[in-house]
Protein backbone atom coordinates (compact mmCIF):
# COMPACT_ATOMS: atom_id res chain seq x y z
CA MET A 1 -163.19 64.59 -137.71
CA LYS A 2 -166.54 64.86 -135.96
CA ARG A 3 -169.32 66.89 -137.54
CA SER A 4 -169.36 69.36 -134.62
CA ALA A 5 -165.61 69.90 -134.98
CA THR A 6 -165.99 70.46 -138.72
CA LEU A 7 -168.74 73.00 -138.08
CA GLY A 8 -166.52 74.79 -135.55
CA MET A 9 -163.67 74.97 -138.08
CA VAL A 10 -166.00 76.38 -140.72
CA LEU A 11 -167.29 79.04 -138.33
CA LEU A 12 -163.74 80.03 -137.41
CA ALA A 13 -162.79 80.28 -141.09
CA VAL A 14 -165.85 82.46 -141.75
CA SER A 15 -164.92 84.70 -138.80
CA ILE A 16 -161.47 85.17 -140.32
CA LEU A 17 -162.99 86.33 -143.61
CA VAL A 18 -165.39 88.70 -141.82
CA PHE A 19 -162.73 90.24 -139.56
CA PHE A 20 -160.25 90.45 -142.43
CA PHE A 21 -162.68 92.47 -144.55
CA LEU A 22 -163.63 94.64 -141.55
CA ASN A 23 -159.93 95.41 -141.08
CA LEU A 24 -159.87 96.72 -144.63
CA LEU A 25 -163.14 98.60 -144.24
CA LEU A 26 -162.92 100.28 -140.82
CA GLY A 27 -160.45 102.86 -139.58
CA SER A 28 -159.91 106.54 -138.97
CA VAL A 29 -160.82 107.20 -142.63
CA SER A 30 -164.25 105.98 -143.71
CA ILE A 31 -164.23 104.06 -147.01
CA PRO A 32 -167.44 102.48 -148.41
CA ALA A 33 -167.49 98.68 -148.59
CA GLY A 34 -168.06 98.73 -152.36
CA LYS A 35 -165.01 100.94 -152.85
CA VAL A 36 -162.84 98.62 -150.75
CA TRP A 37 -163.92 95.65 -152.85
CA SER A 38 -163.23 97.65 -156.02
CA ILE A 39 -159.76 98.61 -154.78
CA LEU A 40 -158.89 94.96 -154.12
CA TRP A 41 -159.78 94.09 -157.70
CA GLY A 42 -158.03 97.13 -159.18
CA GLY A 43 -161.14 98.98 -160.27
CA GLU A 44 -160.91 102.14 -158.13
CA ASP A 45 -159.21 105.36 -159.25
CA ASN A 46 -159.07 107.18 -155.88
CA ALA A 47 -155.33 107.17 -155.15
CA ILE A 48 -155.75 108.17 -151.49
CA TRP A 49 -158.13 105.31 -150.75
CA GLN A 50 -155.88 102.91 -152.68
CA ASN A 51 -152.87 103.85 -150.55
CA ILE A 52 -154.87 103.51 -147.32
CA VAL A 53 -156.22 100.06 -148.20
CA LEU A 54 -153.29 98.53 -150.11
CA LYS A 55 -150.34 100.06 -148.26
CA SER A 56 -151.70 100.30 -144.72
CA ARG A 57 -154.77 98.23 -143.90
CA LEU A 58 -154.06 95.17 -146.10
CA PRO A 59 -150.47 94.67 -144.80
CA GLN A 60 -151.71 95.05 -141.22
CA ALA A 61 -154.49 92.51 -141.76
CA LEU A 62 -152.13 89.97 -143.37
CA THR A 63 -149.57 90.46 -140.60
CA ALA A 64 -152.18 90.03 -137.86
CA LEU A 65 -153.56 86.91 -139.53
CA VAL A 66 -150.28 84.98 -139.81
CA ALA A 67 -148.83 86.33 -136.53
CA GLY A 68 -151.90 85.28 -134.55
CA ALA A 69 -151.83 81.83 -136.13
CA GLY A 70 -148.12 81.38 -135.40
CA LEU A 71 -148.28 82.50 -131.77
CA SER A 72 -151.33 80.32 -131.07
CA ILE A 73 -149.69 77.20 -132.47
CA ALA A 74 -146.51 77.97 -130.52
CA GLY A 75 -148.53 78.35 -127.31
CA LEU A 76 -150.34 75.05 -127.85
CA GLN A 77 -147.04 73.26 -128.44
CA MET A 78 -145.50 74.73 -125.29
CA GLN A 79 -148.50 73.81 -123.12
CA THR A 80 -148.38 70.26 -124.44
CA VAL A 81 -144.66 69.61 -124.14
CA PHE A 82 -144.53 71.02 -120.58
CA ARG A 83 -148.00 69.74 -119.62
CA ASN A 84 -148.62 73.12 -118.01
CA PRO A 85 -151.77 75.18 -118.72
CA LEU A 86 -149.91 78.42 -117.95
CA ALA A 87 -147.02 77.70 -120.31
CA GLY A 88 -146.80 80.03 -123.28
CA PRO A 89 -144.45 81.22 -126.02
CA THR A 90 -142.52 83.45 -123.58
CA GLU A 91 -141.38 80.89 -121.01
CA LEU A 92 -138.16 79.75 -122.70
CA GLY A 93 -136.69 83.23 -123.01
CA VAL A 94 -136.92 83.36 -126.82
CA ARG A 95 -138.93 86.58 -126.73
CA SER A 96 -136.48 88.03 -124.21
CA GLY A 97 -133.66 87.20 -126.62
CA ALA A 98 -135.44 89.14 -129.36
CA ARG A 99 -135.95 92.06 -126.98
CA LEU A 100 -132.26 91.96 -126.05
CA GLY A 101 -131.22 92.04 -129.71
CA VAL A 102 -133.42 95.07 -130.35
CA ALA A 103 -132.15 96.72 -127.16
CA PHE A 104 -128.58 96.50 -128.43
CA VAL A 105 -129.62 98.12 -131.72
CA VAL A 106 -131.81 100.85 -130.24
CA LEU A 107 -130.01 101.58 -126.97
CA LEU A 108 -126.36 100.75 -127.63
CA SER A 109 -125.82 101.73 -131.27
CA GLY A 110 -126.10 105.44 -130.46
CA ARG A 111 -123.37 105.15 -127.84
CA ILE A 112 -121.01 103.30 -130.18
CA GLY A 113 -121.71 104.86 -133.58
CA GLY A 114 -122.93 108.29 -132.55
CA ILE A 115 -126.43 107.77 -133.96
CA ALA A 116 -128.99 105.12 -133.06
CA LEU A 117 -130.10 102.88 -135.94
CA SER A 118 -133.70 103.33 -134.78
CA ARG A 119 -133.58 106.93 -136.01
CA ILE A 120 -132.68 106.30 -139.63
CA GLY A 121 -135.99 105.20 -141.10
CA ALA A 122 -136.35 101.99 -143.12
CA MET A 123 -132.75 100.93 -142.57
CA GLY A 124 -133.30 101.18 -138.83
CA GLU A 125 -136.45 99.04 -139.05
CA VAL A 126 -134.55 96.36 -140.99
CA ALA A 127 -131.71 96.50 -138.46
CA MET A 128 -134.17 96.07 -135.58
CA THR A 129 -135.82 93.10 -137.30
CA LEU A 130 -132.49 91.38 -137.98
CA ALA A 131 -131.32 92.07 -134.43
CA ALA A 132 -134.51 90.57 -133.00
CA ILE A 133 -134.11 87.44 -135.14
CA LEU A 134 -130.45 87.01 -134.18
CA GLY A 135 -131.19 87.55 -130.48
CA ALA A 136 -134.08 85.09 -130.50
CA LEU A 137 -132.13 82.45 -132.43
CA ALA A 138 -129.15 82.82 -130.09
CA ILE A 139 -131.39 82.06 -127.11
CA MET A 140 -132.99 79.20 -129.08
CA ALA A 141 -129.55 77.68 -129.70
CA LEU A 142 -128.83 77.89 -125.97
CA ILE A 143 -132.19 76.31 -125.09
CA VAL A 144 -131.64 73.45 -127.57
CA TYR A 145 -128.18 72.87 -126.08
CA VAL A 146 -129.65 72.77 -122.57
CA ALA A 147 -132.55 70.53 -123.67
CA GLN A 148 -130.09 67.86 -124.79
CA ARG A 149 -128.58 67.73 -121.30
CA VAL A 150 -131.62 68.21 -119.07
CA ARG A 151 -134.22 65.48 -118.62
CA GLY A 152 -137.00 67.14 -116.68
CA ASN A 153 -139.42 69.52 -118.38
CA VAL A 154 -139.77 71.56 -115.20
CA THR A 155 -135.99 72.06 -114.98
CA LEU A 156 -135.83 73.19 -118.60
CA LEU A 157 -138.75 75.56 -118.03
CA ILE A 158 -137.05 77.10 -114.99
CA ILE A 159 -133.79 77.52 -116.93
CA GLY A 160 -135.71 79.27 -119.72
CA VAL A 161 -137.33 81.64 -117.23
CA MET A 162 -133.92 82.40 -115.68
CA ILE A 163 -132.48 83.16 -119.13
CA GLY A 164 -135.34 85.60 -119.64
CA TYR A 165 -134.55 87.31 -116.32
CA VAL A 166 -130.87 87.66 -117.27
CA ALA A 167 -131.82 89.18 -120.64
CA ASN A 168 -134.23 91.60 -118.96
CA ALA A 169 -131.51 92.58 -116.46
CA ILE A 170 -129.12 93.45 -119.30
CA ILE A 171 -131.89 95.43 -121.00
CA GLY A 172 -132.47 97.35 -117.75
CA VAL A 173 -128.78 98.31 -117.58
CA LEU A 174 -128.82 99.46 -121.21
CA LYS A 175 -131.91 101.58 -120.52
CA PHE A 176 -130.24 103.22 -117.53
CA PHE A 177 -127.29 104.44 -119.61
CA SER A 178 -129.28 105.39 -122.73
CA PRO A 179 -130.77 108.75 -123.76
CA GLU A 180 -134.47 109.28 -123.14
CA GLU A 181 -135.27 109.33 -126.86
CA ASP A 182 -133.70 105.91 -127.43
CA VAL A 183 -135.48 104.45 -124.40
CA ARG A 184 -138.79 105.77 -125.74
CA ALA A 185 -138.12 104.14 -129.15
CA TYR A 186 -137.44 100.82 -127.43
CA VAL A 187 -140.57 101.08 -125.27
CA VAL A 188 -142.70 101.80 -128.36
CA TRP A 189 -141.28 98.70 -130.05
CA GLY A 190 -142.06 96.68 -126.93
CA LEU A 191 -145.75 97.60 -127.09
CA GLY A 192 -146.13 95.41 -130.19
CA SER A 193 -147.76 96.40 -133.46
CA PHE A 194 -149.03 94.72 -136.60
CA ALA A 195 -148.50 98.02 -138.45
CA ARG A 196 -144.69 97.82 -138.21
CA VAL A 197 -144.49 95.34 -141.09
CA SER A 198 -144.82 97.17 -144.40
CA GLY A 199 -143.61 97.15 -147.98
CA GLY A 200 -141.47 94.20 -148.95
CA GLN A 201 -141.27 93.03 -145.33
CA VAL A 202 -144.92 91.89 -145.53
CA THR A 203 -144.17 89.52 -148.39
CA THR A 204 -141.10 88.15 -146.62
CA PHE A 205 -142.92 87.69 -143.32
CA VAL A 206 -145.96 86.00 -144.87
CA CYS A 207 -143.78 83.69 -146.99
CA ILE A 208 -141.70 82.62 -143.98
CA MET A 209 -144.82 81.90 -141.94
CA ALA A 210 -146.43 80.11 -144.90
CA VAL A 211 -143.55 77.64 -144.69
CA LEU A 212 -143.34 77.35 -140.89
CA LEU A 213 -147.07 76.92 -140.16
CA PRO A 214 -147.58 73.81 -142.36
CA LEU A 215 -144.35 72.29 -141.00
CA SER A 216 -145.77 72.53 -137.47
CA PHE A 217 -148.54 70.09 -138.48
CA LEU A 218 -145.89 67.39 -138.93
CA LEU A 219 -145.68 67.26 -135.12
CA VAL A 220 -149.34 66.32 -134.57
CA LYS A 221 -148.60 62.67 -133.83
CA THR A 222 -145.66 63.60 -131.59
CA LEU A 223 -147.80 66.02 -129.57
CA ASN A 224 -150.55 63.42 -129.10
CA LEU A 225 -148.00 60.90 -127.85
CA LEU A 226 -146.50 63.42 -125.42
CA LEU A 227 -149.95 63.86 -123.88
CA LEU A 228 -149.83 60.22 -122.75
CA GLY A 229 -146.84 60.84 -120.52
CA ASP A 230 -143.18 59.96 -121.01
CA GLY A 231 -143.59 56.32 -119.98
CA TYR A 232 -146.38 55.44 -122.41
CA ALA A 233 -144.86 57.52 -125.21
CA ARG A 234 -141.50 55.78 -124.79
CA ASN A 235 -143.19 52.36 -124.89
CA LEU A 236 -144.85 53.38 -128.16
CA GLY A 237 -141.43 54.07 -129.68
CA LEU A 238 -141.16 57.83 -129.22
CA ASN A 239 -137.73 59.28 -128.51
CA ILE A 240 -138.75 61.69 -125.73
CA ARG A 241 -135.66 63.88 -125.79
CA ARG A 242 -135.66 64.28 -129.57
CA ALA A 243 -139.44 64.88 -129.66
CA ARG A 244 -139.22 67.52 -126.95
CA MET A 245 -136.40 69.27 -128.79
CA GLN A 246 -138.34 69.24 -132.07
CA VAL A 247 -141.43 70.79 -130.47
CA ILE A 248 -139.41 73.42 -128.60
CA LEU A 249 -137.47 74.30 -131.75
CA CYS A 250 -140.66 74.64 -133.81
CA SER A 251 -142.34 76.80 -131.16
CA GLY A 252 -139.24 78.91 -130.63
CA VAL A 253 -138.73 79.66 -134.31
CA LEU A 254 -142.38 80.71 -134.71
CA VAL A 255 -142.10 83.06 -131.71
CA ALA A 256 -138.75 84.40 -132.90
CA VAL A 257 -140.04 85.32 -136.36
CA VAL A 258 -143.28 86.89 -135.11
CA THR A 259 -141.48 88.88 -132.40
CA ALA A 260 -138.85 90.08 -134.86
CA TYR A 261 -141.44 91.54 -137.23
CA CYS A 262 -144.27 92.56 -134.87
CA GLY A 263 -142.62 93.07 -131.50
CA PRO A 264 -143.55 91.07 -128.39
CA ILE A 265 -147.26 90.21 -128.72
CA SER A 266 -148.61 88.79 -125.46
CA PHE A 267 -151.54 86.59 -124.40
CA LEU A 268 -152.53 85.20 -127.83
CA GLY A 269 -150.32 82.14 -127.42
CA LEU A 270 -151.60 81.59 -123.87
CA ALA A 271 -155.33 82.25 -124.37
CA VAL A 272 -156.14 80.68 -127.75
CA PRO A 273 -155.25 77.02 -126.90
CA HIS A 274 -157.48 77.20 -123.79
CA LEU A 275 -160.27 78.72 -125.85
CA CYS A 276 -160.02 75.94 -128.45
CA ARG A 277 -160.05 73.21 -125.80
CA ALA A 278 -163.19 74.75 -124.30
CA ILE A 279 -164.92 75.06 -127.69
CA PHE A 280 -164.02 71.67 -129.17
CA ARG A 281 -163.83 69.73 -125.87
CA THR A 282 -160.91 67.60 -126.96
CA SER A 283 -157.17 67.25 -126.42
CA ASP A 284 -156.58 65.64 -129.83
CA HIS A 285 -154.04 67.77 -131.69
CA ARG A 286 -155.49 66.68 -135.03
CA ILE A 287 -158.32 69.04 -134.09
CA LEU A 288 -156.60 71.46 -131.71
CA LEU A 289 -153.75 72.41 -134.03
CA PRO A 290 -155.87 73.61 -136.99
CA ALA A 291 -158.41 75.07 -134.53
CA SER A 292 -155.66 77.08 -132.80
CA LEU A 293 -154.37 78.30 -136.14
CA LEU A 294 -157.82 79.54 -137.20
CA ALA A 295 -158.81 80.92 -133.79
CA GLY A 296 -155.48 82.68 -133.35
CA ALA A 297 -155.75 84.33 -136.76
CA SER A 298 -159.34 85.40 -136.07
CA LEU A 299 -158.58 86.77 -132.59
CA ALA A 300 -155.52 88.68 -133.83
CA LEU A 301 -157.61 90.29 -136.58
CA LEU A 302 -160.22 91.27 -133.97
CA CYS A 303 -157.53 92.78 -131.71
CA ASN A 304 -156.07 94.74 -134.62
CA LEU A 305 -159.55 95.99 -135.47
CA ILE A 306 -160.12 97.16 -131.89
CA ALA A 307 -156.69 98.82 -131.82
CA ARG A 308 -157.69 100.88 -134.88
CA MET A 309 -161.16 101.80 -133.71
CA PRO A 310 -163.11 103.93 -136.20
CA GLY A 311 -162.93 107.59 -135.33
CA PHE A 312 -159.76 107.10 -133.27
CA GLU A 313 -156.66 108.85 -134.58
CA GLY A 314 -153.65 106.55 -134.56
CA ALA A 315 -153.70 103.07 -133.01
CA LEU A 316 -153.77 101.61 -129.52
CA PRO A 317 -150.91 99.30 -128.45
CA VAL A 318 -151.76 95.79 -129.60
CA ASN A 319 -150.44 94.30 -126.35
CA SER A 320 -153.00 96.29 -124.37
CA VAL A 321 -155.84 94.96 -126.51
CA THR A 322 -154.64 91.33 -126.47
CA ALA A 323 -154.27 91.46 -122.67
CA LEU A 324 -157.75 92.93 -122.19
CA ILE A 325 -159.24 90.15 -124.32
CA GLY A 326 -156.90 87.27 -123.49
CA ALA A 327 -156.80 87.55 -119.68
CA PRO A 328 -160.59 87.22 -119.19
CA VAL A 329 -160.65 84.33 -121.66
CA VAL A 330 -158.01 82.38 -119.76
CA ALA A 331 -159.68 83.13 -116.39
CA TRP A 332 -163.11 82.10 -117.71
CA VAL A 333 -161.81 78.83 -119.17
CA LEU A 334 -159.91 77.90 -116.00
CA PHE A 335 -162.88 78.69 -113.74
CA LYS A 336 -165.19 76.71 -116.01
CA LYS A 337 -162.82 73.73 -115.99
CA ARG A 338 -162.58 73.83 -112.20
CA LYS A 339 -166.37 73.97 -111.93
CA GLU A 340 -166.71 70.94 -114.23
CA ASP A 341 -164.06 69.01 -112.25
CA THR A 342 -165.89 69.79 -108.99
CA ALA A 343 -169.22 68.63 -110.47
CA GLU A 344 -167.68 65.33 -111.45
């Protein structure tokens, strides 16, 4: 790895540490930095501050860190396998499958059982998480089935988009026949939040992602070969269909897990790979993959920090913050790339 790339990685890692600590320090309740450090090491007796840091801010920071890393890696994989700069974690309908699963729990359970699962506290949250996972995995199974029978990446991408439209159509019908309170609960879930994961769910979520993220690095060589085009990759011994299915499956599972626990988080998976390409000026996934992991974690922590601005009661929707930051980043990178291409 080049010295400049190593320096960039170090700076990204430092930014993660800084933003992580700021997430513990800043919020609607002011807590001195020394007290936060003392709480982390078990040396603070203030029970209120302990609950705020250990049961609210720390789980949010951990969730944002691993969710941002997962979505960024998934976005990079999708852009590579489809060779499309606008491809992202949402294009194959996996996120729509998760939304459909949650819609059945929130919007349909009240009609069938007399009370919506979203209204019964922790059990409802677990039910929504499981429904999102099952919905996302069902769509993933369908996409994998289609991928084995479709050769062109563009065709597969269009099929994924159409699956997303069908899922959204079903969700629209469920909304139409659901009570206003249930629709509001579903809309709130759809705004995305790193604060939804709490208690034992944080440990489960972080452990799952701690397994999935390292496994994604096993596809570095495959991703680099896919960049060469199908013809060259096939001549070098790569099974194109199997490689494409492996990358799609890895990306889909990452998106499914993050969406199940955090809701649909937009723009991170689309913006971060472009940002890393602009910073490191390379298409080598030996550099881009770890860079996307670090940059995604750092940007997600920054978005969570902005969503919980000091002095602001409550929290802004994470999707609003990620869109406000991610959209200008993508536009800036694309305009810069076009300017460089024109100069050449």
